[in-house]
N, C-alpha and C. Protein backbone atom coordinates (compact mmCIF):
# COMPACT_ATOMS: atom_id res chain seq x y z
N MET A 1 -46.24 -55.96 -71.48
CA MET A 1 -46.31 -57.39 -71.70
C MET A 1 -45.12 -57.84 -72.54
N LYS A 2 -44.79 -57.03 -73.56
CA LYS A 2 -43.67 -57.39 -74.44
C LYS A 2 -42.36 -57.40 -73.65
N LYS A 3 -42.19 -56.42 -72.76
CA LYS A 3 -40.98 -56.35 -71.93
C LYS A 3 -40.88 -57.58 -71.04
N LEU A 4 -42.00 -58.00 -70.43
CA LEU A 4 -42.01 -59.17 -69.58
C LEU A 4 -41.64 -60.42 -70.37
N LEU A 5 -42.17 -60.55 -71.59
CA LEU A 5 -41.86 -61.71 -72.43
C LEU A 5 -40.37 -61.74 -72.78
N VAL A 6 -39.81 -60.59 -73.10
CA VAL A 6 -38.37 -60.51 -73.42
C VAL A 6 -37.55 -60.89 -72.20
N MET A 7 -37.95 -60.39 -71.02
CA MET A 7 -37.21 -60.69 -69.79
C MET A 7 -37.30 -62.18 -69.46
N LEU A 8 -38.47 -62.76 -69.59
CA LEU A 8 -38.64 -64.18 -69.31
C LEU A 8 -37.82 -65.03 -70.27
N THR A 9 -37.81 -64.64 -71.55
CA THR A 9 -37.01 -65.36 -72.53
C THR A 9 -35.53 -65.28 -72.17
N ALA A 10 -35.07 -64.09 -71.78
CA ALA A 10 -33.67 -63.93 -71.38
C ALA A 10 -33.34 -64.78 -70.17
N LEU A 11 -34.25 -64.86 -69.21
CA LEU A 11 -34.02 -65.68 -68.02
C LEU A 11 -33.93 -67.16 -68.37
N VAL A 12 -34.80 -67.61 -69.28
CA VAL A 12 -34.77 -69.02 -69.70
C VAL A 12 -33.43 -69.33 -70.37
N VAL A 13 -32.99 -68.43 -71.24
CA VAL A 13 -31.71 -68.64 -71.93
C VAL A 13 -30.57 -68.65 -70.93
N LEU A 14 -30.56 -67.68 -70.01
CA LEU A 14 -29.51 -67.61 -69.00
C LEU A 14 -29.54 -68.85 -68.11
N ALA A 15 -30.72 -69.27 -67.70
CA ALA A 15 -30.83 -70.45 -66.84
C ALA A 15 -30.30 -71.69 -67.56
N GLY A 16 -30.62 -71.83 -68.82
CA GLY A 16 -30.12 -72.98 -69.57
C GLY A 16 -28.62 -72.94 -69.74
N ALA A 17 -28.09 -71.74 -70.01
CA ALA A 17 -26.64 -71.61 -70.19
C ALA A 17 -25.89 -71.83 -68.90
N MET A 18 -26.52 -71.52 -67.78
CA MET A 18 -25.82 -71.60 -66.51
C MET A 18 -26.20 -72.85 -65.70
N LEU A 19 -26.99 -73.75 -66.26
CA LEU A 19 -27.41 -74.94 -65.54
C LEU A 19 -26.24 -75.74 -65.02
N TRP A 20 -25.18 -75.81 -65.79
CA TRP A 20 -24.02 -76.58 -65.37
C TRP A 20 -23.38 -75.98 -64.12
N VAL A 21 -23.55 -74.67 -63.88
CA VAL A 21 -22.98 -74.05 -62.68
C VAL A 21 -23.75 -74.52 -61.46
N ILE A 22 -25.07 -74.64 -61.60
CA ILE A 22 -25.91 -75.05 -60.49
C ILE A 22 -25.77 -76.55 -60.25
N ARG A 23 -25.66 -77.32 -61.31
CA ARG A 23 -25.51 -78.76 -61.20
C ARG A 23 -24.17 -79.14 -61.80
N PRO A 24 -23.13 -79.26 -60.98
CA PRO A 24 -21.81 -79.55 -61.51
C PRO A 24 -21.73 -80.82 -62.34
N ASP A 25 -22.67 -81.75 -62.15
CA ASP A 25 -22.66 -82.99 -62.91
C ASP A 25 -23.24 -82.80 -64.31
N PHE A 26 -23.73 -81.59 -64.62
CA PHE A 26 -24.35 -81.32 -65.90
C PHE A 26 -23.45 -80.39 -66.70
N GLY A 27 -23.20 -80.71 -67.94
CA GLY A 27 -22.44 -79.80 -68.79
C GLY A 27 -20.94 -80.01 -68.68
N PRO A 28 -20.18 -79.09 -69.27
CA PRO A 28 -18.74 -79.27 -69.37
C PRO A 28 -18.02 -79.04 -68.06
N THR A 29 -16.90 -79.72 -67.90
CA THR A 29 -16.00 -79.43 -66.80
C THR A 29 -15.13 -78.27 -67.22
N GLU A 30 -14.31 -77.73 -66.30
CA GLU A 30 -13.43 -76.62 -66.67
C GLU A 30 -12.52 -77.03 -67.82
N ALA A 31 -12.03 -78.26 -67.80
CA ALA A 31 -11.12 -78.71 -68.85
C ALA A 31 -11.84 -78.81 -70.20
N GLN A 32 -13.15 -79.06 -70.17
CA GLN A 32 -13.91 -79.20 -71.41
C GLN A 32 -14.57 -77.90 -71.84
N ALA A 33 -14.47 -76.84 -71.02
CA ALA A 33 -15.24 -75.63 -71.26
C ALA A 33 -14.94 -75.00 -72.62
N ASP A 34 -13.69 -74.98 -73.07
CA ASP A 34 -13.37 -74.37 -74.36
C ASP A 34 -13.31 -75.48 -75.40
N THR A 35 -14.45 -75.71 -76.05
CA THR A 35 -14.55 -76.81 -77.00
C THR A 35 -14.21 -76.40 -78.41
N GLY A 36 -14.00 -75.09 -78.62
CA GLY A 36 -13.75 -74.61 -79.97
C GLY A 36 -15.04 -74.42 -80.75
N GLN A 37 -16.17 -74.68 -80.13
CA GLN A 37 -17.46 -74.54 -80.79
C GLN A 37 -18.18 -73.32 -80.22
N GLY A 38 -17.61 -72.14 -80.41
CA GLY A 38 -18.21 -70.92 -79.88
C GLY A 38 -17.49 -70.47 -78.62
N ALA A 39 -18.13 -69.57 -77.90
CA ALA A 39 -17.53 -69.00 -76.70
C ALA A 39 -17.41 -70.05 -75.61
N PRO A 40 -16.33 -70.01 -74.84
CA PRO A 40 -16.19 -70.95 -73.74
C PRO A 40 -17.27 -70.72 -72.68
N VAL A 41 -17.69 -71.78 -72.03
CA VAL A 41 -18.66 -71.69 -70.95
C VAL A 41 -17.90 -71.20 -69.71
N PRO A 42 -18.39 -70.16 -69.03
CA PRO A 42 -17.65 -69.66 -67.87
C PRO A 42 -17.67 -70.66 -66.72
N THR A 43 -16.58 -70.70 -65.99
CA THR A 43 -16.54 -71.53 -64.79
C THR A 43 -17.04 -70.70 -63.62
N LEU A 44 -17.34 -71.33 -62.52
CA LEU A 44 -17.82 -70.64 -61.34
C LEU A 44 -16.85 -69.53 -60.94
N ALA A 45 -15.55 -69.78 -61.04
CA ALA A 45 -14.55 -68.79 -60.65
C ALA A 45 -14.52 -67.59 -61.59
N GLN A 46 -15.11 -67.69 -62.76
CA GLN A 46 -15.09 -66.59 -63.73
C GLN A 46 -16.31 -65.68 -63.62
N LEU A 47 -17.26 -66.01 -62.76
CA LEU A 47 -18.47 -65.21 -62.64
C LEU A 47 -18.17 -63.89 -61.94
N THR A 48 -18.73 -62.82 -62.45
CA THR A 48 -18.63 -61.53 -61.79
C THR A 48 -19.60 -61.53 -60.60
N PRO A 49 -19.50 -60.54 -59.72
CA PRO A 49 -20.49 -60.47 -58.63
C PRO A 49 -21.93 -60.41 -59.15
N GLY A 50 -22.17 -59.60 -60.18
CA GLY A 50 -23.52 -59.51 -60.73
C GLY A 50 -24.01 -60.83 -61.31
N GLU A 51 -23.12 -61.52 -62.01
CA GLU A 51 -23.50 -62.83 -62.57
C GLU A 51 -23.77 -63.84 -61.47
N THR A 52 -22.98 -63.79 -60.40
CA THR A 52 -23.19 -64.68 -59.26
C THR A 52 -24.58 -64.46 -58.68
N VAL A 53 -24.95 -63.20 -58.48
CA VAL A 53 -26.26 -62.87 -57.94
C VAL A 53 -27.36 -63.35 -58.88
N GLN A 54 -27.22 -63.10 -60.18
CA GLN A 54 -28.25 -63.50 -61.13
C GLN A 54 -28.42 -65.02 -61.17
N VAL A 55 -27.31 -65.75 -61.19
CA VAL A 55 -27.39 -67.21 -61.24
C VAL A 55 -28.04 -67.75 -59.96
N PHE A 56 -27.66 -67.18 -58.81
CA PHE A 56 -28.26 -67.63 -57.55
C PHE A 56 -29.77 -67.42 -57.57
N TYR A 57 -30.20 -66.21 -57.94
CA TYR A 57 -31.63 -65.94 -57.91
C TYR A 57 -32.39 -66.69 -59.00
N ASP A 58 -31.78 -66.95 -60.14
CA ASP A 58 -32.43 -67.79 -61.16
C ASP A 58 -32.68 -69.18 -60.59
N TRP A 59 -31.66 -69.73 -59.92
CA TRP A 59 -31.82 -71.05 -59.28
C TRP A 59 -32.91 -70.98 -58.22
N TYR A 60 -32.85 -69.95 -57.38
CA TYR A 60 -33.78 -69.79 -56.27
C TYR A 60 -35.23 -69.76 -56.76
N LEU A 61 -35.49 -68.92 -57.75
CA LEU A 61 -36.86 -68.79 -58.27
C LEU A 61 -37.32 -70.08 -58.95
N ASP A 62 -36.42 -70.73 -59.67
CA ASP A 62 -36.76 -72.00 -60.30
C ASP A 62 -37.10 -73.05 -59.24
N TYR A 63 -36.31 -73.12 -58.19
CA TYR A 63 -36.57 -74.07 -57.11
C TYR A 63 -37.93 -73.78 -56.48
N ALA A 64 -38.18 -72.51 -56.18
CA ALA A 64 -39.44 -72.12 -55.54
C ALA A 64 -40.65 -72.45 -56.41
N ARG A 65 -40.51 -72.34 -57.72
CA ARG A 65 -41.63 -72.60 -58.63
C ARG A 65 -41.82 -74.09 -58.92
N ASN A 66 -40.71 -74.82 -59.01
CA ASN A 66 -40.80 -76.19 -59.54
C ASN A 66 -40.44 -77.31 -58.58
N THR A 67 -39.82 -76.98 -57.44
CA THR A 67 -39.35 -78.05 -56.57
C THR A 67 -39.98 -78.01 -55.19
N GLY A 68 -39.91 -76.86 -54.54
CA GLY A 68 -40.44 -76.78 -53.18
C GLY A 68 -40.11 -75.45 -52.54
N ASN A 69 -40.13 -75.45 -51.22
CA ASN A 69 -39.87 -74.25 -50.45
C ASN A 69 -38.39 -74.22 -50.07
N VAL A 70 -37.66 -73.26 -50.61
CA VAL A 70 -36.22 -73.17 -50.39
C VAL A 70 -35.90 -73.08 -48.90
N MET A 71 -36.69 -72.29 -48.17
CA MET A 71 -36.43 -72.09 -46.74
C MET A 71 -36.74 -73.37 -45.96
N ALA A 72 -37.91 -73.93 -46.15
CA ALA A 72 -38.31 -75.13 -45.40
C ALA A 72 -37.41 -76.33 -45.74
N ASP A 73 -37.04 -76.45 -47.01
CA ASP A 73 -36.19 -77.55 -47.45
C ASP A 73 -34.71 -77.32 -47.11
N LYS A 74 -34.39 -76.09 -46.72
CA LYS A 74 -33.00 -75.68 -46.46
C LYS A 74 -32.11 -75.97 -47.67
N ALA A 75 -32.70 -75.78 -48.84
CA ALA A 75 -32.00 -76.05 -50.09
C ALA A 75 -30.81 -75.12 -50.31
N TYR A 76 -30.80 -73.99 -49.63
CA TYR A 76 -29.71 -73.03 -49.76
C TYR A 76 -28.44 -73.48 -49.05
N HIS A 77 -28.53 -74.47 -48.20
CA HIS A 77 -27.39 -74.93 -47.39
C HIS A 77 -26.17 -75.31 -48.21
N ASN A 78 -26.36 -75.90 -49.36
CA ASN A 78 -25.22 -76.36 -50.16
C ASN A 78 -24.89 -75.44 -51.32
N SER A 79 -25.40 -74.24 -51.30
CA SER A 79 -25.18 -73.32 -52.42
C SER A 79 -23.75 -72.80 -52.42
N PRO A 80 -23.05 -72.93 -53.54
CA PRO A 80 -21.70 -72.38 -53.62
C PRO A 80 -21.70 -70.86 -53.74
N TYR A 81 -22.89 -70.26 -53.85
CA TYR A 81 -23.02 -68.82 -54.01
C TYR A 81 -23.16 -68.08 -52.69
N LEU A 82 -23.22 -68.80 -51.58
CA LEU A 82 -23.43 -68.20 -50.27
C LEU A 82 -22.26 -68.51 -49.35
N THR A 83 -21.86 -67.52 -48.54
CA THR A 83 -20.82 -67.78 -47.55
C THR A 83 -21.42 -68.64 -46.44
N PRO A 84 -20.61 -69.48 -45.80
CA PRO A 84 -21.12 -70.27 -44.66
C PRO A 84 -21.66 -69.37 -43.54
N GLU A 85 -21.04 -68.21 -43.36
CA GLU A 85 -21.49 -67.29 -42.31
C GLU A 85 -22.90 -66.77 -42.61
N PHE A 86 -23.17 -66.48 -43.87
CA PHE A 86 -24.50 -66.00 -44.24
C PHE A 86 -25.53 -67.11 -44.05
N VAL A 87 -25.18 -68.32 -44.44
CA VAL A 87 -26.09 -69.46 -44.25
C VAL A 87 -26.42 -69.59 -42.76
N GLN A 88 -25.43 -69.46 -41.90
CA GLN A 88 -25.65 -69.57 -40.46
C GLN A 88 -26.56 -68.45 -39.96
N ARG A 89 -26.34 -67.22 -40.43
CA ARG A 89 -27.20 -66.09 -40.01
C ARG A 89 -28.64 -66.30 -40.48
N VAL A 90 -28.81 -66.84 -41.68
CA VAL A 90 -30.16 -67.12 -42.18
C VAL A 90 -30.83 -68.18 -41.32
N ASP A 91 -30.10 -69.24 -40.98
CA ASP A 91 -30.66 -70.29 -40.11
C ASP A 91 -31.08 -69.71 -38.76
N GLU A 92 -30.24 -68.85 -38.19
CA GLU A 92 -30.56 -68.24 -36.90
C GLU A 92 -31.79 -67.34 -37.00
N LEU A 93 -31.88 -66.59 -38.08
CA LEU A 93 -33.02 -65.70 -38.28
C LEU A 93 -34.31 -66.51 -38.40
N ILE A 94 -34.28 -67.56 -39.21
CA ILE A 94 -35.46 -68.39 -39.40
C ILE A 94 -35.88 -69.03 -38.08
N ALA A 95 -34.91 -69.50 -37.29
CA ALA A 95 -35.21 -70.12 -36.00
C ALA A 95 -35.84 -69.11 -35.03
N SER A 96 -35.56 -67.83 -35.22
CA SER A 96 -36.09 -66.81 -34.31
C SER A 96 -37.54 -66.44 -34.62
N PHE A 97 -38.05 -66.82 -35.79
CA PHE A 97 -39.43 -66.48 -36.14
C PHE A 97 -40.38 -67.29 -35.27
N ASP A 98 -41.30 -66.60 -34.60
CA ASP A 98 -42.29 -67.28 -33.76
C ASP A 98 -43.46 -67.74 -34.62
N LYS A 99 -44.06 -66.80 -35.30
CA LYS A 99 -45.17 -67.10 -36.21
C LYS A 99 -44.97 -66.25 -37.44
N GLY A 100 -44.88 -66.87 -38.57
CA GLY A 100 -44.66 -66.12 -39.80
C GLY A 100 -43.22 -65.66 -39.92
N GLY A 101 -43.01 -64.65 -40.70
CA GLY A 101 -41.67 -64.15 -40.95
C GLY A 101 -41.54 -63.73 -42.39
N TYR A 102 -40.33 -63.66 -42.86
CA TYR A 102 -40.08 -63.27 -44.24
C TYR A 102 -38.90 -64.06 -44.77
N ASP A 103 -38.73 -64.02 -46.06
CA ASP A 103 -37.63 -64.72 -46.71
C ASP A 103 -36.43 -63.78 -46.74
N PRO A 104 -35.35 -64.11 -46.03
CA PRO A 104 -34.20 -63.21 -45.98
C PRO A 104 -33.45 -63.06 -47.30
N PHE A 105 -33.63 -64.00 -48.22
CA PHE A 105 -32.99 -63.88 -49.53
C PHE A 105 -33.76 -62.93 -50.43
N LEU A 106 -35.08 -62.91 -50.26
CA LEU A 106 -35.94 -62.07 -51.09
C LEU A 106 -36.36 -60.78 -50.39
N GLN A 107 -36.15 -60.73 -49.07
CA GLN A 107 -36.60 -59.58 -48.28
C GLN A 107 -38.08 -59.33 -48.53
N ALA A 108 -38.83 -60.41 -48.55
CA ALA A 108 -40.27 -60.35 -48.82
C ALA A 108 -40.91 -61.63 -48.31
N GLN A 109 -42.23 -61.63 -48.29
CA GLN A 109 -42.96 -62.84 -47.90
C GLN A 109 -43.36 -63.66 -49.11
N ASP A 110 -43.49 -63.02 -50.25
CA ASP A 110 -43.90 -63.71 -51.47
C ASP A 110 -42.70 -63.86 -52.40
N VAL A 111 -42.84 -64.76 -53.35
CA VAL A 111 -41.78 -65.01 -54.34
C VAL A 111 -42.08 -64.18 -55.59
N PRO A 112 -41.14 -63.33 -56.00
CA PRO A 112 -41.38 -62.52 -57.20
C PRO A 112 -41.30 -63.36 -58.47
N GLU A 113 -41.77 -62.80 -59.55
CA GLU A 113 -41.68 -63.47 -60.85
C GLU A 113 -40.24 -63.48 -61.36
N PHE A 114 -39.50 -62.42 -61.05
CA PHE A 114 -38.11 -62.33 -61.50
C PHE A 114 -37.30 -61.46 -60.57
N VAL A 115 -36.00 -61.65 -60.62
CA VAL A 115 -35.01 -60.80 -59.98
C VAL A 115 -34.00 -60.46 -61.07
N THR A 116 -33.73 -59.18 -61.24
CA THR A 116 -32.83 -58.74 -62.31
C THR A 116 -31.73 -57.85 -61.73
N VAL A 117 -30.50 -58.19 -62.02
CA VAL A 117 -29.36 -57.39 -61.58
C VAL A 117 -29.38 -56.06 -62.32
N GLU A 118 -29.23 -54.98 -61.56
CA GLU A 118 -29.24 -53.64 -62.13
C GLU A 118 -27.86 -52.99 -62.13
N ASP A 119 -27.08 -53.21 -61.05
CA ASP A 119 -25.81 -52.50 -60.91
C ASP A 119 -24.88 -53.31 -60.00
N GLU A 120 -23.58 -53.15 -60.22
CA GLU A 120 -22.62 -53.77 -59.32
C GLU A 120 -21.45 -52.82 -59.11
N THR A 121 -20.96 -52.81 -57.87
CA THR A 121 -19.80 -52.01 -57.51
C THR A 121 -18.82 -52.93 -56.79
N VAL A 122 -17.60 -52.99 -57.30
CA VAL A 122 -16.57 -53.85 -56.72
C VAL A 122 -15.49 -52.97 -56.11
N THR A 123 -15.15 -53.28 -54.86
CA THR A 123 -14.08 -52.59 -54.16
C THR A 123 -13.20 -53.67 -53.53
N GLY A 124 -12.10 -53.98 -54.19
CA GLY A 124 -11.21 -55.02 -53.68
C GLY A 124 -11.90 -56.38 -53.68
N ASP A 125 -11.95 -56.99 -52.49
CA ASP A 125 -12.57 -58.31 -52.33
C ASP A 125 -14.02 -58.23 -51.89
N GLU A 126 -14.64 -57.06 -52.02
CA GLU A 126 -16.04 -56.89 -51.66
C GLU A 126 -16.80 -56.29 -52.84
N ALA A 127 -18.07 -56.61 -52.91
CA ALA A 127 -18.91 -56.07 -53.97
C ALA A 127 -20.31 -55.85 -53.44
N VAL A 128 -20.99 -54.89 -54.04
CA VAL A 128 -22.40 -54.64 -53.74
C VAL A 128 -23.14 -54.67 -55.07
N VAL A 129 -24.17 -55.49 -55.12
CA VAL A 129 -24.99 -55.63 -56.32
C VAL A 129 -26.41 -55.21 -55.98
N THR A 130 -26.97 -54.36 -56.81
CA THR A 130 -28.37 -53.95 -56.65
C THR A 130 -29.19 -54.71 -57.68
N ALA A 131 -30.29 -55.29 -57.22
CA ALA A 131 -31.17 -56.05 -58.10
C ALA A 131 -32.61 -55.61 -57.87
N SER A 132 -33.39 -55.60 -58.92
CA SER A 132 -34.82 -55.29 -58.79
C SER A 132 -35.61 -56.59 -58.90
N THR A 133 -36.82 -56.55 -58.37
CA THR A 133 -37.71 -57.70 -58.48
C THR A 133 -38.96 -57.29 -59.24
N SER A 134 -39.83 -58.25 -59.46
CA SER A 134 -41.08 -57.95 -60.17
C SER A 134 -42.06 -57.16 -59.31
N PHE A 135 -41.79 -57.02 -58.01
CA PHE A 135 -42.66 -56.23 -57.15
C PHE A 135 -42.37 -54.75 -57.36
N PRO A 136 -43.37 -53.94 -57.61
CA PRO A 136 -43.15 -52.50 -57.84
C PRO A 136 -42.39 -51.85 -56.68
N GLY A 137 -41.30 -51.15 -57.01
CA GLY A 137 -40.52 -50.43 -56.02
C GLY A 137 -39.68 -51.30 -55.10
N HIS A 138 -39.60 -52.58 -55.37
CA HIS A 138 -38.86 -53.51 -54.50
C HIS A 138 -37.50 -53.82 -55.11
N SER A 139 -36.47 -53.59 -54.33
CA SER A 139 -35.13 -53.93 -54.81
C SER A 139 -34.35 -54.59 -53.68
N LEU A 140 -33.26 -55.22 -54.06
CA LEU A 140 -32.39 -55.92 -53.12
C LEU A 140 -30.99 -55.34 -53.23
N VAL A 141 -30.32 -55.22 -52.10
CA VAL A 141 -28.91 -54.85 -52.08
C VAL A 141 -28.19 -56.09 -51.59
N VAL A 142 -27.37 -56.66 -52.45
CA VAL A 142 -26.71 -57.92 -52.17
C VAL A 142 -25.21 -57.65 -51.99
N GLU A 143 -24.70 -58.03 -50.82
CA GLU A 143 -23.29 -57.84 -50.52
C GLU A 143 -22.56 -59.16 -50.75
N LEU A 144 -21.44 -59.08 -51.46
CA LEU A 144 -20.64 -60.27 -51.76
C LEU A 144 -19.21 -60.07 -51.29
N VAL A 145 -18.55 -61.19 -51.06
CA VAL A 145 -17.12 -61.18 -50.76
C VAL A 145 -16.45 -62.20 -51.67
N SER A 146 -15.20 -61.95 -51.99
CA SER A 146 -14.43 -62.90 -52.79
C SER A 146 -13.74 -63.86 -51.83
N VAL A 147 -14.05 -65.14 -51.98
CA VAL A 147 -13.47 -66.18 -51.14
C VAL A 147 -12.74 -67.15 -52.05
N ASP A 148 -11.44 -67.19 -51.93
CA ASP A 148 -10.61 -68.05 -52.78
C ASP A 148 -10.92 -67.85 -54.26
N GLY A 149 -11.14 -66.60 -54.66
CA GLY A 149 -11.38 -66.28 -56.06
C GLY A 149 -12.81 -66.45 -56.52
N LEU A 150 -13.72 -66.86 -55.63
CA LEU A 150 -15.13 -67.03 -55.97
C LEU A 150 -15.95 -65.95 -55.28
N TRP A 151 -16.85 -65.32 -55.99
CA TRP A 151 -17.75 -64.35 -55.38
C TRP A 151 -18.88 -65.09 -54.70
N GLN A 152 -19.08 -64.78 -53.40
CA GLN A 152 -20.15 -65.39 -52.65
C GLN A 152 -21.00 -64.32 -51.95
N ILE A 153 -22.28 -64.57 -51.87
CA ILE A 153 -23.22 -63.67 -51.22
C ILE A 153 -23.03 -63.77 -49.71
N ASN A 154 -22.86 -62.61 -49.07
CA ASN A 154 -22.61 -62.56 -47.64
C ASN A 154 -23.74 -61.86 -46.89
N ASP A 155 -24.64 -61.17 -47.61
CA ASP A 155 -25.77 -60.52 -46.96
C ASP A 155 -26.72 -60.02 -48.04
N VAL A 156 -27.99 -59.91 -47.68
CA VAL A 156 -29.01 -59.35 -48.56
C VAL A 156 -29.86 -58.42 -47.71
N ARG A 157 -30.07 -57.22 -48.20
CA ARG A 157 -30.92 -56.26 -47.50
C ARG A 157 -31.72 -55.48 -48.52
N ARG A 158 -32.65 -54.68 -48.03
CA ARG A 158 -33.47 -53.82 -48.90
C ARG A 158 -32.84 -52.47 -49.04
């Protein structure tokens, strides 16, 4: 229970610190990022592959809990964390479901309590990030590519 509380607290802090990344109209611009009042706020271009994955899934879980269904609302369509090719593959996959299906971002039918980045490996303009979820034994392998200096998610698998 204590571990869960610490993890949830860390997620809340991270989500608050990274809110400006998800909502560009919130928080400092790149020009305002170094205010001299502590550490500069990272810009989207400064995120590592692991940070990109964590910020995406923090947004995703928050949306699923507080706003609606990410898949049904197609809220992922405008995400700067996803390649357009991946968005298209997700749309095609969802359209192919006859009855039921699964969430291709979570590789599950249910929404976990948390997703936590465990490891990242970068090779040139490609990266692989492993993340665990709150489901016992459930992990995600997230493939990213660097596009114009930004890390974007290009695939998610188990």
